[in-house]
Amino acid sequence: MHIITNKYSLKILLIALLFLGYGTQAIAQKGDGTYSELSIAKTIHDKDLKWNPAPDFFPGCTFTILNGDITKPNLDFFFKIEPNTEVIKHTHNSPERMILISGELEVTYENEPTSLLKAGTYAYGPAGKPHKAKCLNKGPCVLFIALVDPFNAIPIGK
């Protein structure tokens, strides 16, 4: 896995993601030149973000919805894991597309070697594949996560 480590590459990646987001908004344009949705741009430091507690089996974790509805398909959110916190083995019905925004995160998918994610790393998690994670001691780990299907997280043993 190639890891983006320099700040210039990270900035290019973030700009590309913003343009991708703006491009998809153009699809929502009505025939009369008006738009049905507003564009958005957020960082993990925005004061207007409402950080919610994650499910009880994810202690030390919070999330904030960026776009969409947690009960519907196509959800985008930030997921924050405090330093030195483990996320227990779990699975999701939806594939996950993730970019680590801050921190360093070890992620282990069942029957695969552990991957070390650093800020700027893209990761993909297949639907239904059990995995666990640990945020290391490099500040909080904040992931941008995009889900295809509505959110769910199913813990697997302890």
N, C-alpha and C. Protein backbone atom coordinates (compact mmCIF):
# COMPACT_ATOMS: atom_id res chain seq x y z
N MET A 1 0.85 -1.17 0.00
CA MET A 1 0.00 0.00 0.00
C MET A 1 0.90 1.24 0.00
N HIS A 2 0.63 2.19 -0.88
CA HIS A 2 1.41 3.43 -0.93
C HIS A 2 0.82 4.42 0.07
N ILE A 3 1.67 5.01 0.87
CA ILE A 3 1.22 5.95 1.90
C ILE A 3 1.64 7.36 1.50
N ILE A 4 0.69 8.30 1.48
CA ILE A 4 1.00 9.69 1.19
C ILE A 4 1.50 10.32 2.48
N THR A 5 2.75 10.77 2.46
CA THR A 5 3.32 11.28 3.70
C THR A 5 3.68 12.75 3.64
N ASN A 6 3.84 13.33 2.45
CA ASN A 6 4.21 14.74 2.46
C ASN A 6 2.98 15.62 2.37
N LYS A 7 3.09 16.81 2.92
CA LYS A 7 1.95 17.73 3.02
C LYS A 7 1.46 18.19 1.66
N TYR A 8 2.37 18.34 0.67
CA TYR A 8 1.97 18.78 -0.66
C TYR A 8 1.04 17.75 -1.30
N SER A 9 1.40 16.45 -1.22
CA SER A 9 0.55 15.40 -1.79
C SER A 9 -0.79 15.34 -1.09
N LEU A 10 -0.79 15.52 0.22
CA LEU A 10 -2.04 15.51 0.98
C LEU A 10 -2.95 16.65 0.54
N LYS A 11 -2.38 17.83 0.33
CA LYS A 11 -3.18 18.97 -0.12
C LYS A 11 -3.78 18.70 -1.49
N ILE A 12 -3.00 18.13 -2.41
CA ILE A 12 -3.50 17.80 -3.74
C ILE A 12 -4.65 16.81 -3.63
N LEU A 13 -4.51 15.79 -2.77
CA LEU A 13 -5.56 14.80 -2.57
C LEU A 13 -6.83 15.46 -2.05
N LEU A 14 -6.71 16.34 -1.07
CA LEU A 14 -7.88 17.00 -0.51
C LEU A 14 -8.56 17.91 -1.54
N ILE A 15 -7.76 18.62 -2.34
CA ILE A 15 -8.33 19.47 -3.40
C ILE A 15 -9.08 18.61 -4.42
N ALA A 16 -8.48 17.47 -4.79
CA ALA A 16 -9.14 16.58 -5.74
C ALA A 16 -10.47 16.07 -5.19
N LEU A 17 -10.50 15.73 -3.90
CA LEU A 17 -11.75 15.27 -3.28
C LEU A 17 -12.81 16.37 -3.27
N LEU A 18 -12.38 17.61 -3.03
CA LEU A 18 -13.33 18.72 -3.06
C LEU A 18 -13.92 18.89 -4.45
N PHE A 19 -13.07 18.84 -5.49
CA PHE A 19 -13.58 18.97 -6.85
C PHE A 19 -14.51 17.83 -7.22
N LEU A 20 -14.18 16.63 -6.76
CA LEU A 20 -15.06 15.49 -6.98
C LEU A 20 -16.43 15.76 -6.36
N GLY A 21 -16.42 16.27 -5.13
CA GLY A 21 -17.68 16.58 -4.45
C GLY A 21 -18.48 17.65 -5.18
N TYR A 22 -17.80 18.69 -5.65
CA TYR A 22 -18.49 19.74 -6.39
C TYR A 22 -19.03 19.21 -7.71
N GLY A 23 -18.28 18.32 -8.36
CA GLY A 23 -18.73 17.76 -9.63
C GLY A 23 -20.00 16.95 -9.47
N THR A 24 -20.09 16.18 -8.38
CA THR A 24 -21.30 15.39 -8.18
C THR A 24 -22.49 16.29 -7.85
N GLN A 25 -22.23 17.46 -7.27
CA GLN A 25 -23.33 18.38 -7.00
C GLN A 25 -23.93 18.91 -8.30
N ALA A 26 -23.10 19.03 -9.35
CA ALA A 26 -23.60 19.53 -10.63
C ALA A 26 -24.64 18.59 -11.22
N ILE A 27 -24.56 17.31 -10.90
CA ILE A 27 -25.53 16.34 -11.38
C ILE A 27 -26.91 16.66 -10.82
N ALA A 28 -26.96 17.27 -9.64
CA ALA A 28 -28.23 17.59 -9.00
C ALA A 28 -28.86 18.86 -9.55
N GLN A 29 -28.24 19.48 -10.56
CA GLN A 29 -28.77 20.72 -11.13
C GLN A 29 -30.11 20.46 -11.80
N LYS A 30 -31.03 21.35 -11.56
CA LYS A 30 -32.33 21.28 -12.21
C LYS A 30 -32.22 21.88 -13.60
N GLY A 31 -33.16 21.61 -14.45
CA GLY A 31 -33.14 22.10 -15.82
C GLY A 31 -33.22 23.61 -15.93
N ASP A 32 -33.70 24.30 -14.91
CA ASP A 32 -33.86 25.76 -14.98
C ASP A 32 -32.63 26.52 -14.49
N GLY A 33 -31.50 25.83 -14.26
CA GLY A 33 -30.28 26.50 -13.83
C GLY A 33 -30.15 26.64 -12.33
N THR A 34 -31.15 26.16 -11.56
CA THR A 34 -31.03 26.19 -10.10
C THR A 34 -30.60 24.82 -9.62
N TYR A 35 -30.13 24.77 -8.38
CA TYR A 35 -29.61 23.53 -7.83
C TYR A 35 -30.48 23.09 -6.66
N SER A 36 -30.63 21.76 -6.53
CA SER A 36 -31.44 21.23 -5.44
C SER A 36 -30.63 21.04 -4.16
N GLU A 37 -29.30 21.06 -4.26
CA GLU A 37 -28.46 20.89 -3.08
C GLU A 37 -27.41 21.99 -3.04
N LEU A 38 -26.95 22.27 -1.83
CA LEU A 38 -25.85 23.21 -1.65
C LEU A 38 -24.55 22.43 -1.51
N SER A 39 -23.47 23.00 -1.99
CA SER A 39 -22.17 22.37 -1.80
C SER A 39 -21.72 22.58 -0.35
N ILE A 40 -20.80 21.76 0.10
CA ILE A 40 -20.25 21.90 1.45
C ILE A 40 -18.75 21.68 1.42
N ALA A 41 -18.08 22.24 2.38
CA ALA A 41 -16.65 22.00 2.59
C ALA A 41 -16.42 22.08 4.10
N LYS A 42 -15.87 21.04 4.67
CA LYS A 42 -15.68 20.96 6.12
C LYS A 42 -14.29 20.45 6.45
N THR A 43 -13.78 20.87 7.60
CA THR A 43 -12.56 20.28 8.16
C THR A 43 -12.91 19.74 9.54
N ILE A 44 -12.01 18.96 10.09
CA ILE A 44 -12.26 18.38 11.42
C ILE A 44 -12.23 19.43 12.51
N HIS A 45 -11.78 20.64 12.18
CA HIS A 45 -11.67 21.71 13.17
C HIS A 45 -12.84 22.69 13.14
N ASP A 46 -13.80 22.50 12.22
CA ASP A 46 -14.94 23.42 12.14
C ASP A 46 -15.73 23.42 13.44
N LYS A 47 -16.00 24.61 13.94
CA LYS A 47 -16.68 24.78 15.24
C LYS A 47 -18.15 24.35 15.19
N ASP A 48 -18.75 24.34 14.00
CA ASP A 48 -20.17 24.00 13.90
C ASP A 48 -20.44 22.49 13.81
N LEU A 49 -19.40 21.67 13.81
CA LEU A 49 -19.61 20.22 13.77
C LEU A 49 -20.14 19.73 15.11
N LYS A 50 -21.13 18.86 15.07
CA LYS A 50 -21.69 18.27 16.28
C LYS A 50 -21.16 16.85 16.40
N TRP A 51 -20.25 16.64 17.34
CA TRP A 51 -19.65 15.33 17.56
C TRP A 51 -20.56 14.51 18.48
N ASN A 52 -21.00 13.36 18.01
CA ASN A 52 -21.92 12.48 18.74
C ASN A 52 -21.16 11.27 19.27
N PRO A 53 -21.62 10.71 20.39
CA PRO A 53 -20.97 9.48 20.87
C PRO A 53 -21.24 8.33 19.91
N ALA A 54 -20.21 7.51 19.69
CA ALA A 54 -20.36 6.31 18.86
C ALA A 54 -21.14 5.27 19.67
N PRO A 55 -21.56 4.17 19.04
CA PRO A 55 -22.22 3.11 19.80
C PRO A 55 -21.38 2.69 21.01
N ASP A 56 -22.04 2.21 22.05
CA ASP A 56 -21.40 1.88 23.33
C ASP A 56 -20.21 0.94 23.20
N PHE A 57 -20.21 0.05 22.20
CA PHE A 57 -19.10 -0.89 22.08
C PHE A 57 -17.87 -0.25 21.40
N PHE A 58 -17.96 1.07 21.11
CA PHE A 58 -16.82 1.85 20.62
C PHE A 58 -16.50 2.95 21.62
N PRO A 59 -16.08 2.61 22.84
CA PRO A 59 -15.78 3.66 23.83
C PRO A 59 -14.60 4.51 23.36
N GLY A 60 -14.64 5.79 23.68
CA GLY A 60 -13.57 6.69 23.28
C GLY A 60 -13.67 7.15 21.84
N CYS A 61 -14.83 6.90 21.20
CA CYS A 61 -15.02 7.27 19.80
C CYS A 61 -16.23 8.18 19.65
N THR A 62 -16.13 9.10 18.70
CA THR A 62 -17.24 10.00 18.36
C THR A 62 -17.33 10.11 16.85
N PHE A 63 -18.45 10.65 16.38
CA PHE A 63 -18.62 10.84 14.94
C PHE A 63 -19.45 12.10 14.68
N THR A 64 -19.31 12.62 13.48
CA THR A 64 -20.14 13.74 13.04
C THR A 64 -20.53 13.51 11.59
N ILE A 65 -21.80 13.70 11.29
CA ILE A 65 -22.31 13.50 9.93
C ILE A 65 -21.92 14.72 9.09
N LEU A 66 -21.34 14.47 7.94
CA LEU A 66 -20.98 15.54 7.01
C LEU A 66 -22.05 15.72 5.94
N ASN A 67 -22.53 14.60 5.41
CA ASN A 67 -23.52 14.66 4.34
C ASN A 67 -24.32 13.37 4.36
N GLY A 68 -25.62 13.51 4.27
CA GLY A 68 -26.49 12.34 4.24
C GLY A 68 -27.22 12.13 5.55
N ASP A 69 -27.83 10.98 5.65
CA ASP A 69 -28.64 10.58 6.80
C ASP A 69 -28.15 9.21 7.23
N ILE A 70 -27.91 9.02 8.52
CA ILE A 70 -27.33 7.77 9.02
C ILE A 70 -28.21 6.55 8.72
N THR A 71 -29.49 6.75 8.45
CA THR A 71 -30.40 5.64 8.16
C THR A 71 -30.57 5.38 6.67
N LYS A 72 -29.86 6.16 5.83
CA LYS A 72 -30.04 6.04 4.37
C LYS A 72 -28.70 5.77 3.69
N PRO A 73 -28.75 5.32 2.43
CA PRO A 73 -27.51 5.10 1.68
C PRO A 73 -26.73 6.40 1.44
N ASN A 74 -25.46 6.22 1.07
CA ASN A 74 -24.57 7.33 0.70
C ASN A 74 -24.34 8.32 1.83
N LEU A 75 -23.73 7.83 2.88
CA LEU A 75 -23.44 8.62 4.07
C LEU A 75 -21.96 8.96 4.13
N ASP A 76 -21.65 10.23 4.43
CA ASP A 76 -20.27 10.69 4.64
C ASP A 76 -20.16 11.21 6.07
N PHE A 77 -19.11 10.78 6.79
CA PHE A 77 -18.95 11.26 8.16
C PHE A 77 -17.48 11.20 8.58
N PHE A 78 -17.17 11.97 9.63
CA PHE A 78 -15.87 11.86 10.30
C PHE A 78 -16.07 10.95 11.50
N PHE A 79 -15.10 10.06 11.73
CA PHE A 79 -15.10 9.16 12.89
C PHE A 79 -13.82 9.42 13.65
N LYS A 80 -13.94 9.81 14.93
CA LYS A 80 -12.77 10.16 15.75
C LYS A 80 -12.54 9.09 16.81
N ILE A 81 -11.27 8.67 16.89
CA ILE A 81 -10.84 7.68 17.88
C ILE A 81 -9.75 8.34 18.72
N GLU A 82 -9.93 8.34 20.01
CA GLU A 82 -8.94 8.97 20.89
C GLU A 82 -7.63 8.18 20.86
N PRO A 83 -6.49 8.84 21.14
CA PRO A 83 -5.20 8.14 21.14
C PRO A 83 -5.20 6.96 22.11
N ASN A 84 -4.45 5.93 21.75
CA ASN A 84 -4.31 4.72 22.57
C ASN A 84 -5.65 4.02 22.82
N THR A 85 -6.55 4.12 21.85
CA THR A 85 -7.86 3.50 21.97
C THR A 85 -8.00 2.40 20.93
N GLU A 86 -8.53 1.26 21.36
CA GLU A 86 -8.77 0.15 20.45
C GLU A 86 -10.24 0.11 20.05
N VAL A 87 -10.46 -0.16 18.78
CA VAL A 87 -11.81 -0.37 18.25
C VAL A 87 -11.97 -1.87 18.09
N ILE A 88 -12.93 -2.45 18.80
CA ILE A 88 -13.09 -3.91 18.81
C ILE A 88 -13.43 -4.44 17.43
N LYS A 89 -13.22 -5.74 17.28
CA LYS A 89 -13.54 -6.40 16.00
C LYS A 89 -15.04 -6.24 15.72
N HIS A 90 -15.33 -5.83 14.50
CA HIS A 90 -16.71 -5.60 14.11
C HIS A 90 -16.82 -5.72 12.59
N THR A 91 -18.01 -5.60 12.10
CA THR A 91 -18.26 -5.64 10.66
C THR A 91 -19.36 -4.64 10.32
N HIS A 92 -19.53 -4.39 9.03
CA HIS A 92 -20.57 -3.49 8.51
C HIS A 92 -21.24 -4.15 7.31
N ASN A 93 -22.49 -3.80 7.06
CA ASN A 93 -23.17 -4.28 5.85
C ASN A 93 -22.68 -3.54 4.61
N SER A 94 -22.12 -2.36 4.79
CA SER A 94 -21.68 -1.53 3.67
C SER A 94 -20.17 -1.58 3.49
N PRO A 95 -19.71 -1.51 2.24
CA PRO A 95 -18.28 -1.26 2.06
C PRO A 95 -17.94 0.12 2.62
N GLU A 96 -16.70 0.29 3.07
CA GLU A 96 -16.25 1.58 3.62
C GLU A 96 -15.13 2.12 2.74
N ARG A 97 -15.22 3.40 2.43
CA ARG A 97 -14.12 4.11 1.77
C ARG A 97 -13.65 5.14 2.78
N MET A 98 -12.35 5.08 3.12
CA MET A 98 -11.85 5.89 4.23
C MET A 98 -10.58 6.63 3.83
N ILE A 99 -10.40 7.81 4.42
CA ILE A 99 -9.14 8.54 4.36
C ILE A 99 -8.83 8.98 5.78
N LEU A 100 -7.64 8.63 6.26
CA LEU A 100 -7.23 9.07 7.59
C LEU A 100 -6.80 10.52 7.49
N ILE A 101 -7.47 11.37 8.26
CA ILE A 101 -7.20 12.81 8.25
C ILE A 101 -6.10 13.16 9.24
N SER A 102 -6.12 12.53 10.42
CA SER A 102 -5.10 12.82 11.44
C SER A 102 -4.80 11.57 12.24
N GLY A 103 -3.62 11.58 12.88
CA GLY A 103 -3.21 10.47 13.73
C GLY A 103 -2.55 9.35 12.95
N GLU A 104 -2.31 8.25 13.64
CA GLU A 104 -1.81 7.01 13.05
C GLU A 104 -2.69 5.88 13.55
N LEU A 105 -3.15 5.04 12.62
CA LEU A 105 -4.14 4.02 12.94
C LEU A 105 -3.68 2.67 12.40
N GLU A 106 -3.65 1.68 13.28
CA GLU A 106 -3.42 0.31 12.84
C GLU A 106 -4.78 -0.33 12.57
N VAL A 107 -4.91 -0.94 11.40
CA VAL A 107 -6.17 -1.58 11.01
C VAL A 107 -5.86 -3.01 10.60
N THR A 108 -6.63 -3.95 11.15
CA THR A 108 -6.43 -5.36 10.83
C THR A 108 -7.74 -5.96 10.36
N TYR A 109 -7.77 -6.40 9.10
CA TYR A 109 -8.92 -7.12 8.55
C TYR A 109 -8.64 -8.62 8.69
N GLU A 110 -9.69 -9.37 8.97
CA GLU A 110 -9.56 -10.81 9.18
C GLU A 110 -8.77 -11.46 8.06
N ASN A 111 -7.79 -12.30 8.45
CA ASN A 111 -6.93 -13.05 7.52
C ASN A 111 -6.04 -12.16 6.64
N GLU A 112 -5.76 -10.95 7.12
CA GLU A 112 -4.86 -10.04 6.41
C GLU A 112 -3.86 -9.47 7.41
N PRO A 113 -2.69 -9.05 6.90
CA PRO A 113 -1.73 -8.40 7.81
C PRO A 113 -2.24 -7.03 8.24
N THR A 114 -1.77 -6.56 9.39
CA THR A 114 -2.14 -5.24 9.89
C THR A 114 -1.56 -4.16 8.99
N SER A 115 -2.34 -3.14 8.69
CA SER A 115 -1.88 -1.98 7.91
C SER A 115 -1.75 -0.80 8.85
N LEU A 116 -0.69 0.00 8.64
CA LEU A 116 -0.52 1.24 9.38
C LEU A 116 -0.96 2.38 8.49
N LEU A 117 -2.01 3.07 8.91
CA LEU A 117 -2.50 4.22 8.17
C LEU A 117 -1.94 5.48 8.80
N LYS A 118 -1.43 6.36 7.96
CA LYS A 118 -0.96 7.68 8.39
C LYS A 118 -1.82 8.72 7.70
N ALA A 119 -1.79 9.96 8.18
CA ALA A 119 -2.62 11.01 7.61
C ALA A 119 -2.45 11.04 6.10
N GLY A 120 -3.58 11.04 5.40
CA GLY A 120 -3.58 11.06 3.94
C GLY A 120 -3.76 9.70 3.31
N THR A 121 -3.75 8.62 4.12
CA THR A 121 -3.88 7.27 3.59
C THR A 121 -5.33 6.96 3.25
N TYR A 122 -5.54 6.40 2.05
CA TYR A 122 -6.85 5.90 1.65
C TYR A 122 -6.90 4.42 2.03
N ALA A 123 -8.04 3.98 2.52
CA ALA A 123 -8.24 2.56 2.83
C ALA A 123 -9.65 2.16 2.39
N TYR A 124 -9.79 0.93 1.95
CA TYR A 124 -11.07 0.38 1.55
C TYR A 124 -11.35 -0.84 2.41
N GLY A 125 -12.56 -0.93 2.94
CA GLY A 125 -12.98 -2.09 3.71
C GLY A 125 -14.17 -2.75 3.06
N PRO A 126 -14.04 -4.02 2.67
CA PRO A 126 -15.15 -4.73 2.03
C PRO A 126 -16.33 -4.92 2.99
N ALA A 127 -17.52 -4.91 2.45
CA ALA A 127 -18.72 -5.17 3.25
C ALA A 127 -18.62 -6.55 3.89
N GLY A 128 -19.02 -6.62 5.17
CA GLY A 128 -19.11 -7.89 5.86
C GLY A 128 -17.78 -8.47 6.34
N LYS A 129 -16.65 -7.82 6.06
CA LYS A 129 -15.35 -8.37 6.47
C LYS A 129 -14.98 -7.87 7.86
N PRO A 130 -14.84 -8.79 8.83
CA PRO A 130 -14.50 -8.38 10.20
C PRO A 130 -13.15 -7.66 10.25
N HIS A 131 -13.09 -6.64 11.10
CA HIS A 131 -11.86 -5.87 11.26
C HIS A 131 -11.83 -5.19 12.63
N LYS A 132 -10.61 -4.78 13.03
CA LYS A 132 -10.43 -4.04 14.27
C LYS A 132 -9.37 -2.98 14.00
N ALA A 133 -9.25 -2.05 14.95
CA ALA A 133 -8.29 -0.95 14.76
C ALA A 133 -7.75 -0.49 16.11
N LYS A 134 -6.63 0.22 16.04
CA LYS A 134 -6.07 0.85 17.24
C LYS A 134 -5.48 2.18 16.83
N CYS A 135 -5.93 3.25 17.51
CA CYS A 135 -5.34 4.57 17.31
C CYS A 135 -4.09 4.64 18.17
N LEU A 136 -2.97 4.96 17.54
CA LEU A 136 -1.71 5.03 18.26
C LEU A 136 -1.59 6.37 18.97
N ASN A 137 -0.48 6.59 19.63
CA ASN A 137 -0.30 7.79 20.45
C ASN A 137 0.26 8.96 19.64
N LYS A 138 -0.39 9.32 18.54
CA LYS A 138 0.04 10.45 17.70
C LYS A 138 -1.11 11.45 17.57
N GLY A 139 -1.85 11.64 18.64
CA GLY A 139 -3.03 12.52 18.59
C GLY A 139 -4.25 11.70 18.19
N PRO A 140 -5.43 12.30 18.23
CA PRO A 140 -6.63 11.54 17.86
C PRO A 140 -6.56 11.12 16.39
N CYS A 141 -7.15 9.97 16.11
CA CYS A 141 -7.27 9.49 14.74
C CYS A 141 -8.64 9.92 14.23
N VAL A 142 -8.65 10.68 13.16
CA VAL A 142 -9.92 11.08 12.56
C VAL A 142 -9.97 10.53 11.14
N LEU A 143 -10.98 9.72 10.87
CA LEU A 143 -11.20 9.13 9.56
C LEU A 143 -12.35 9.82 8.86
N PHE A 144 -12.18 10.12 7.59
CA PHE A 144 -13.33 10.44 6.74
C PHE A 144 -13.81 9.10 6.22
N ILE A 145 -15.10 8.81 6.38
CA ILE A 145 -15.66 7.54 5.93
C ILE A 145 -16.87 7.81 5.03
N ALA A 146 -16.90 7.12 3.90
CA ALA A 146 -18.04 7.17 2.99
C ALA A 146 -18.62 5.77 2.91
N LEU A 147 -19.92 5.66 3.17
CA LEU A 147 -20.62 4.38 3.11
C LEU A 147 -21.59 4.38 1.94
N VAL A 148 -21.72 3.22 1.31
CA VAL A 148 -22.68 3.05 0.21
C VAL A 148 -24.07 2.79 0.78
N ASP A 149 -24.13 1.91 1.77
CA ASP A 149 -25.40 1.51 2.39
C ASP A 149 -25.57 2.22 3.73
N PRO A 150 -26.77 2.20 4.31
CA PRO A 150 -26.97 2.86 5.61
C PRO A 150 -25.99 2.32 6.65
N PHE A 151 -25.68 3.16 7.62
CA PHE A 151 -24.71 2.80 8.66
C PHE A 151 -25.22 1.66 9.53
N ASN A 152 -24.32 0.75 9.82
CA ASN A 152 -24.50 -0.21 10.90
C ASN A 152 -23.12 -0.69 11.31
N ALA A 153 -22.98 -1.13 12.52
CA ALA A 153 -21.74 -1.71 13.03
C ALA A 153 -22.15 -2.87 13.93
N ILE A 154 -21.60 -4.03 13.66
CA ILE A 154 -21.97 -5.23 14.38
C ILE A 154 -20.73 -5.75 15.10
N PRO A 155 -20.70 -5.68 16.45
CA PRO A 155 -19.53 -6.21 17.16
C PRO A 155 -19.42 -7.72 17.02
N ILE A 156 -18.18 -8.19 17.01
CA ILE A 156 -17.93 -9.62 16.90
C ILE A 156 -17.15 -10.06 18.12
N GLY A 157 -17.82 -10.74 19.04
CA GLY A 157 -17.17 -11.22 20.26
C GLY A 157 -16.43 -10.14 21.00
N LYS A 158 -15.62 -10.52 21.96
CA LYS A 158 -14.78 -9.56 22.68
C LYS A 158 -13.45 -10.12 22.94
